[in-house]
Amino acid sequence: MAVEATGRVRLKSVLLYILLFGLCYSAFLVVTFPASLAWRLVESETLVPEALSIEQVGGTVWSGNARLSIRLSPLDLHSSGLLNWQIKPAAWLQGRAAGVVQLESDIGNLQGEVSVSPDALNLLVNSASLQLERLNPALQRQRVRLVGTVSMKNTELSAENGVITGSRGQLYWPGGRVTYPVGRQVRSGDFPPFSGLIGFEDGSVTIGIKDQGAPFDSITGILSSDGWFKAEVRRRLVDLAGEHWKKNVPEDQVIASVKRKLY
């Protein structure tokens, strides 16, 4: 009986070792699997925005990279960059994929973390920057020119089934010289630093931007779920530019707005 019991224990130990070996070997195959081949296998089932193109994928599923291209036709904006990622294996136990990402492009940089499940996505941006000069070709028709770099931190974006479900974050622009139209003329002015907050309300992403001396937002924006973006400008911005306006118009009143479809 003792020999028989000992045999059962040894058999269980062998089965356990085989199971552990199988799990480790499977994990090894996954993390060393070529990222380019993995992308080809799932590309047809992946929802990628029309404005985004994944041109080249390299490395492994565990640690890889992809060359991206984005084209926003309404803004006449085209940008390309390299995305690097490092997978976090612990997230697999929760049925999702998560990792650290870094994006370097000709329009700006981004460092953060991304988490993906079959029907949800969450992006946490630790830091990011946007070169405003790269937007000037898109703003040429409006006779607007921007300078400097917008920095972003503590920004989070979540989506389910391709629809944005939440957003938050902070923006900062150190100020600088801006060119803008006044009637048929084009003028320039030096603006102070601006800070902004990204939020989420009624299914839309909201943006509020103000200078340090104002208790309200001089510029507001709303990005709706159907891809329409609406921006509003208040008189406060005109005062900062040193331009004249009707005296009976309060500085927090909207004096201009624009609405465009981004995607």
Protein backbone atom coordinates (compact mmCIF):
# COMPACT_ATOMS: atom_id res chain seq x y z
CA MET A 1 0.00 0.00 0.00
CA ALA A 2 2.84 2.37 0.89
CA VAL A 3 4.54 1.63 -2.43
CA GLU A 4 1.29 2.22 -4.31
CA ALA A 5 0.72 5.55 -2.52
CA THR A 6 4.29 6.61 -3.25
CA GLY A 7 3.73 5.80 -6.93
CA ARG A 8 0.64 7.99 -7.04
CA VAL A 9 2.57 10.89 -5.50
CA ARG A 10 5.35 10.52 -8.04
CA LEU A 11 2.83 10.36 -10.89
CA LYS A 12 1.15 13.55 -9.68
CA SER A 13 4.54 15.23 -9.42
CA VAL A 14 5.43 14.19 -12.95
CA LEU A 15 2.08 15.45 -14.27
CA LEU A 16 2.58 18.73 -12.43
CA TYR A 17 6.04 19.18 -13.92
CA ILE A 18 4.70 18.39 -17.38
CA LEU A 19 1.91 20.94 -16.91
CA LEU A 20 4.34 23.62 -15.72
CA PHE A 21 6.66 22.87 -18.60
CA GLY A 22 3.77 23.12 -21.04
CA LEU A 23 2.68 26.47 -19.62
CA CYS A 24 6.21 27.86 -19.65
CA TYR A 25 6.84 26.61 -23.16
CA SER A 26 3.55 28.07 -24.38
CA ALA A 27 4.40 31.41 -22.80
CA PHE A 28 7.84 31.25 -24.42
CA LEU A 29 6.30 30.65 -27.84
CA VAL A 30 3.90 33.56 -27.38
CA VAL A 31 6.46 36.14 -26.24
CA THR A 32 9.00 35.16 -28.92
CA PHE A 33 6.41 34.92 -31.70
CA PRO A 34 7.23 37.36 -34.53
CA ALA A 35 5.08 40.48 -34.22
CA SER A 36 4.73 40.81 -38.00
CA LEU A 37 3.26 37.32 -38.31
CA ALA A 38 0.95 37.90 -35.33
CA TRP A 39 -0.33 41.12 -36.94
CA ARG A 40 -1.08 39.36 -40.21
CA LEU A 41 -3.11 36.77 -38.30
CA VAL A 42 -5.29 39.33 -36.49
CA GLU A 43 -5.24 42.26 -38.93
CA SER A 44 -8.57 41.40 -40.55
CA GLU A 45 -10.28 41.17 -37.14
CA THR A 46 -8.81 44.38 -35.73
CA LEU A 47 -10.73 47.66 -35.80
CA VAL A 48 -8.25 50.26 -37.04
CA PRO A 49 -9.45 53.85 -37.71
CA GLU A 50 -9.44 54.78 -41.39
CA ALA A 51 -7.07 57.66 -40.70
CA LEU A 52 -4.46 55.29 -39.22
CA SER A 53 -2.26 53.02 -41.31
CA ILE A 54 0.07 50.36 -39.89
CA GLU A 55 2.79 50.11 -42.51
CA GLN A 56 5.43 47.86 -40.96
CA VAL A 57 5.63 45.63 -37.87
CA GLY A 58 8.85 44.23 -36.37
CA GLY A 59 10.28 42.56 -33.28
CA THR A 60 8.30 40.06 -31.22
CA VAL A 61 4.93 40.01 -29.52
CA TRP A 62 6.78 40.55 -26.23
CA SER A 63 8.91 43.48 -27.38
CA GLY A 64 8.25 44.95 -30.80
CA ASN A 65 7.68 48.02 -32.91
CA ALA A 66 5.42 49.27 -35.67
CA ARG A 67 5.73 52.10 -38.15
CA LEU A 68 2.52 54.12 -38.22
CA SER A 69 1.07 56.71 -40.55
CA ILE A 70 -1.87 58.97 -39.83
CA ARG A 71 -3.70 61.15 -42.32
CA LEU A 72 -6.45 63.57 -41.31
CA SER A 73 -7.76 64.81 -44.65
CA PRO A 74 -10.08 67.51 -43.21
CA LEU A 75 -7.04 69.11 -41.55
CA ASP A 76 -4.63 68.41 -44.42
CA LEU A 77 -2.40 66.73 -41.83
CA HIS A 78 -0.12 63.77 -42.45
CA SER A 79 2.31 62.35 -39.91
CA SER A 80 4.37 59.20 -39.46
CA GLY A 81 6.20 57.69 -36.52
CA LEU A 82 7.60 54.62 -34.81
CA LEU A 83 5.70 52.89 -32.00
CA ASN A 84 7.63 50.65 -29.56
CA TRP A 85 6.03 48.40 -26.95
CA GLN A 86 7.00 46.12 -24.07
CA ILE A 87 4.34 43.64 -22.90
CA LYS A 88 3.42 43.13 -19.22
CA PRO A 89 2.88 39.36 -18.76
CA ALA A 90 0.90 39.71 -15.51
CA ALA A 91 -2.04 41.20 -17.42
CA TRP A 92 -2.58 37.91 -19.25
CA LEU A 93 -3.87 36.37 -16.03
CA GLN A 94 -6.72 38.91 -16.16
CA GLY A 95 -7.61 38.11 -19.76
CA ARG A 96 -6.15 41.25 -21.30
CA ALA A 97 -2.96 42.49 -22.94
CA ALA A 98 -1.08 45.42 -21.40
CA GLY A 99 2.26 47.05 -21.95
CA VAL A 100 4.44 50.12 -21.96
CA VAL A 101 4.40 52.11 -25.21
CA GLN A 102 6.59 54.83 -26.66
CA LEU A 103 5.80 56.79 -29.82
CA GLU A 104 8.28 59.00 -31.65
CA SER A 105 6.96 60.91 -34.65
CA ASP A 106 7.64 63.99 -36.75
CA ILE A 107 4.83 65.82 -34.97
CA GLY A 108 5.52 64.85 -31.35
CA ASN A 109 6.34 62.15 -28.81
CA LEU A 110 4.39 60.02 -26.34
CA GLN A 111 5.20 57.72 -23.42
CA GLY A 112 2.55 55.74 -21.61
CA GLU A 113 0.79 52.46 -20.98
CA VAL A 114 -1.93 50.70 -22.92
CA SER A 115 -4.33 47.93 -21.91
CA VAL A 116 -6.40 45.98 -24.43
CA SER A 117 -9.14 43.37 -23.98
CA PRO A 118 -11.42 41.84 -26.63
CA ASP A 119 -13.85 44.79 -26.53
CA ALA A 120 -12.07 47.56 -24.60
CA LEU A 121 -9.00 49.77 -24.75
CA ASN A 122 -7.38 52.02 -22.15
CA LEU A 123 -4.50 54.41 -22.85
CA LEU A 124 -2.64 56.19 -20.06
CA VAL A 125 -0.26 58.92 -21.26
CA ASN A 126 2.42 59.73 -18.70
CA SER A 127 3.92 62.44 -20.90
CA ALA A 128 3.51 63.68 -24.47
CA SER A 129 4.43 66.64 -26.64
CA LEU A 130 3.02 68.18 -29.81
CA GLN A 131 4.99 70.45 -32.16
CA LEU A 132 2.53 73.19 -33.11
CA GLU A 133 4.54 74.26 -36.15
CA ARG A 134 3.57 70.97 -37.80
CA LEU A 135 -0.06 72.09 -37.71
CA ASN A 136 0.56 75.29 -39.67
CA PRO A 137 0.05 73.74 -43.13
CA ALA A 138 -3.41 72.63 -41.99
CA LEU A 139 -4.11 76.13 -40.63
CA GLN A 140 -2.88 77.97 -43.70
CA ARG A 141 -6.38 78.45 -45.11
CA GLN A 142 -7.42 80.13 -41.87
CA ARG A 143 -4.28 82.35 -42.04
CA VAL A 144 -3.17 81.13 -38.63
CA ARG A 145 0.36 80.25 -37.55
CA LEU A 146 1.34 78.72 -34.21
CA VAL A 147 4.68 78.27 -32.44
CA GLY A 148 6.01 76.28 -29.52
CA THR A 149 5.23 72.91 -28.03
CA VAL A 150 2.13 71.72 -26.21
CA SER A 151 2.95 69.29 -23.41
CA MET A 152 0.54 66.75 -21.98
CA LYS A 153 0.58 64.68 -18.79
CA ASN A 154 -1.65 62.46 -16.66
CA THR A 155 -3.89 61.89 -19.66
CA GLU A 156 -6.15 58.85 -19.95
CA LEU A 157 -8.41 57.68 -22.76
CA SER A 158 -10.73 54.66 -22.62
CA ALA A 159 -12.91 53.09 -25.31
CA GLU A 160 -15.28 50.16 -25.69
CA ASN A 161 -16.22 48.59 -29.01
CA GLY A 162 -14.50 51.43 -30.85
CA VAL A 163 -16.40 54.18 -28.98
CA ILE A 164 -14.67 56.58 -26.56
CA THR A 165 -16.11 56.11 -23.06
CA GLY A 166 -13.86 58.33 -20.96
CA SER A 167 -11.04 60.88 -21.06
CA ARG A 168 -9.07 63.13 -18.72
CA GLY A 169 -5.78 64.99 -18.81
CA GLN A 170 -3.76 68.17 -18.51
CA LEU A 171 -2.27 70.43 -21.20
CA TYR A 172 0.27 73.26 -21.10
CA TRP A 173 1.58 75.75 -23.69
CA PRO A 174 4.38 78.14 -22.61
CA GLY A 175 3.11 80.98 -24.77
CA GLY A 176 4.60 82.64 -27.83
CA ARG A 177 3.91 84.59 -30.97
CA VAL A 178 0.76 83.69 -32.92
CA THR A 179 -0.30 84.92 -36.36
CA TYR A 180 -4.04 85.35 -36.92
CA PRO A 181 -6.49 87.06 -39.32
CA VAL A 182 -8.32 90.29 -38.57
CA GLY A 183 -10.69 91.00 -41.43
CA ARG A 184 -8.58 91.05 -44.58
CA GLN A 185 -5.39 91.66 -42.63
CA VAL A 186 -3.02 89.21 -40.97
CA ARG A 187 -1.54 90.24 -37.63
CA SER A 188 0.71 88.76 -34.96
CA GLY A 189 0.73 88.98 -31.20
CA ASP A 190 2.56 87.57 -28.19
CA PHE A 191 0.34 85.43 -25.98
CA PRO A 192 0.93 84.36 -22.36
CA PRO A 193 1.13 80.73 -21.21
CA PHE A 194 -2.05 78.66 -21.38
CA SER A 195 -3.12 75.57 -19.46
CA GLY A 196 -5.91 73.17 -20.29
CA LEU A 197 -7.97 70.31 -18.96
CA ILE A 198 -9.32 67.34 -20.89
CA GLY A 199 -12.58 65.84 -19.64
CA PHE A 200 -15.54 63.71 -20.67
CA GLU A 201 -19.20 64.70 -20.62
CA ASP A 202 -22.34 63.22 -22.21
CA GLY A 203 -20.34 60.85 -24.40
CA SER A 204 -18.00 63.55 -25.76
CA VAL A 205 -14.40 64.51 -25.10
CA THR A 206 -14.15 68.08 -23.78
CA ILE A 207 -11.21 70.49 -23.76
CA GLY A 208 -10.97 73.76 -21.86
CA ILE A 209 -8.02 76.14 -22.27
CA LYS A 210 -7.34 79.34 -20.33
CA ASP A 211 -4.55 81.73 -19.42
CA GLN A 212 -3.32 82.00 -15.85
CA GLY A 213 -5.14 85.28 -15.25
CA ALA A 214 -8.64 84.09 -16.18
CA PRO A 215 -11.20 82.19 -14.05
CA PHE A 216 -12.85 80.76 -17.19
CA ASP A 217 -11.79 79.04 -20.42
CA SER A 218 -10.92 81.30 -23.36
CA ILE A 219 -11.05 78.35 -25.76
CA THR A 220 -13.30 75.30 -25.47
CA GLY A 221 -13.62 72.24 -27.66
CA ILE A 222 -15.92 69.22 -27.89
CA LEU A 223 -15.18 66.03 -29.82
CA SER A 224 -18.37 64.01 -30.22
CA SER A 225 -18.57 60.25 -30.71
CA ASP A 226 -19.38 60.66 -34.42
CA GLY A 227 -16.07 62.43 -35.11
CA TRP A 228 -17.29 66.03 -35.19
CA PHE A 229 -15.12 68.59 -33.38
CA LYS A 230 -16.47 72.00 -32.35
CA ALA A 231 -14.30 74.80 -30.98
CA GLU A 232 -15.42 78.11 -29.46
CA VAL A 233 -13.41 81.25 -28.76
CA ARG A 234 -14.34 83.87 -26.16
CA ARG A 235 -13.61 87.59 -26.19
CA ARG A 236 -10.89 87.11 -23.57
CA LEU A 237 -8.60 85.81 -26.31
CA VAL A 238 -9.11 89.00 -28.34
CA ASP A 239 -8.17 91.11 -25.32
CA LEU A 240 -4.98 89.10 -24.83
CA ALA A 241 -4.06 89.77 -28.45
CA GLY A 242 -4.49 93.51 -27.89
CA GLU A 243 -7.24 93.76 -30.50
CA HIS A 244 -10.32 95.98 -30.21
CA TRP A 245 -13.85 94.62 -29.76
CA LYS A 246 -17.27 95.96 -28.86
CA LYS A 247 -17.12 97.33 -25.33
CA ASN A 248 -20.54 95.98 -24.33
CA VAL A 249 -19.46 92.37 -25.02
CA PRO A 250 -18.32 90.57 -21.82
CA GLU A 251 -14.94 88.84 -21.96
CA ASP A 252 -16.47 85.40 -21.36
CA GLN A 253 -18.88 85.61 -24.33
CA VAL A 254 -18.33 83.37 -27.36
CA ILE A 255 -17.39 85.48 -30.39
CA ALA A 256 -16.32 82.77 -32.85
CA SER A 257 -16.85 79.06 -33.38
CA VAL A 258 -15.87 76.41 -35.89
CA LYS A 259 -17.07 72.86 -36.45
CA ARG A 260 -15.31 70.22 -38.52
CA LYS A 261 -15.50 66.46 -38.95
CA LEU A 262 -12.19 64.83 -38.01
CA TYR A 263 -13.03 61.16 -38.69
